[in-house]
């Protein structure tokens, strides 16, 4: 909502990151449900690293942008 309302310049890239993440998670889920994959350390590392990296970089960018607009966005990893 705020991305559109305040014309956040990296909106498309940020949403693309989320879309790619959701596609990867969906593929992991399908493989798991289909019996061709198990939840592994690699999967857990991927998920935790993506979330921390995303929060610490992409989300902090928009937090700074919105702060300039007078909107508080608390981002903590």
Protein backbone atom coordinates (compact mmCIF):
# COMPACT_ATOMS: atom_id res chain seq x y z
CA UNK A 1 0.00 0.00 0.00
CA UNK A 2 2.72 2.48 1.01
CA UNK A 3 4.95 1.45 -1.90
CA UNK A 4 2.25 2.66 -4.27
CA UNK A 5 1.01 5.59 -2.20
CA UNK A 6 4.50 7.09 -1.82
CA UNK A 7 5.85 5.86 -5.18
CA UNK A 8 8.68 3.82 -3.67
CA UNK A 9 11.32 3.74 -6.44
CA UNK A 10 12.50 0.14 -5.81
CA UNK A 11 8.98 -1.29 -5.57
CA UNK A 12 9.27 -3.58 -8.59
CA UNK A 13 12.64 -4.98 -7.55
CA UNK A 14 11.48 -5.50 -3.96
CA UNK A 15 8.32 -7.29 -5.02
CA UNK A 16 10.34 -9.41 -7.48
CA UNK A 17 12.55 -10.56 -4.58
CA UNK A 18 9.45 -11.69 -2.73
CA UNK A 19 8.04 -13.41 -5.81
CA UNK A 20 11.26 -15.33 -6.42
CA UNK A 21 11.40 -16.35 -2.77
CA UNK A 22 7.80 -17.56 -2.85
CA UNK A 23 8.47 -19.57 -6.01
CA UNK A 24 11.49 -21.25 -4.42
CA UNK A 25 9.55 -22.05 -1.26
CA UNK A 26 6.64 -23.41 -3.31
CA UNK A 27 9.05 -25.66 -5.24
CA UNK A 28 10.57 -26.89 -1.98
CA UNK A 29 7.08 -27.58 -0.64
CA UNK A 30 6.06 -29.53 -3.75
CA UNK A 31 9.24 -31.60 -3.62
CA UNK A 32 8.71 -32.30 0.06
CA UNK A 33 5.04 -33.24 -0.31
CA UNK A 34 5.88 -35.34 -3.38
CA UNK A 35 8.47 -37.26 -1.42
CA UNK A 36 11.44 -36.21 -3.53
CA UNK A 37 12.95 -33.91 -0.91
CA UNK A 38 13.33 -33.62 2.81
CA UNK A 39 13.71 -30.57 4.97
CA UNK A 40 17.46 -30.36 5.18
CA UNK A 41 20.04 -28.18 6.80
CA UNK A 42 20.55 -26.60 3.36
CA UNK A 43 16.88 -25.70 3.18
CA UNK A 44 16.90 -24.21 6.64
CA UNK A 45 20.09 -22.26 5.89
CA UNK A 46 18.59 -20.95 2.64
CA UNK A 47 15.44 -19.79 4.41
CA UNK A 48 17.20 -18.13 7.33
CA UNK A 49 19.88 -16.50 5.17
CA UNK A 50 17.32 -15.16 2.71
CA UNK A 51 15.18 -13.70 5.45
CA UNK A 52 18.08 -12.09 7.30
CA UNK A 53 19.65 -10.76 4.08
CA UNK A 54 16.33 -9.45 2.81
CA UNK A 55 15.46 -7.74 6.08
CA UNK A 56 18.93 -6.27 6.55
CA UNK A 57 19.19 -4.88 3.01
CA UNK A 58 15.97 -4.53 1.04
CA UNK A 59 13.68 -3.80 3.98
CA UNK A 60 16.09 -1.30 5.47
CA UNK A 61 16.13 0.58 2.17
CA UNK A 62 12.41 1.11 2.24
CA UNK A 63 12.49 1.89 5.97
CA UNK A 64 14.89 4.76 5.24
CA UNK A 65 12.76 5.92 2.29
CA UNK A 66 9.59 5.98 4.38
CA UNK A 67 11.36 7.67 7.29
CA UNK A 68 12.09 10.56 4.91
CA UNK A 69 8.35 10.70 4.25
CA UNK A 70 7.62 10.87 7.99
CA UNK A 71 6.51 7.24 8.33
CA UNK A 72 8.11 5.08 10.98
CA UNK A 73 9.01 1.58 9.79
CA UNK A 74 10.68 -0.54 12.42
CA UNK A 75 12.81 -3.23 10.76
CA UNK A 76 14.67 -5.66 12.97
CA UNK A 77 16.22 -8.94 11.89
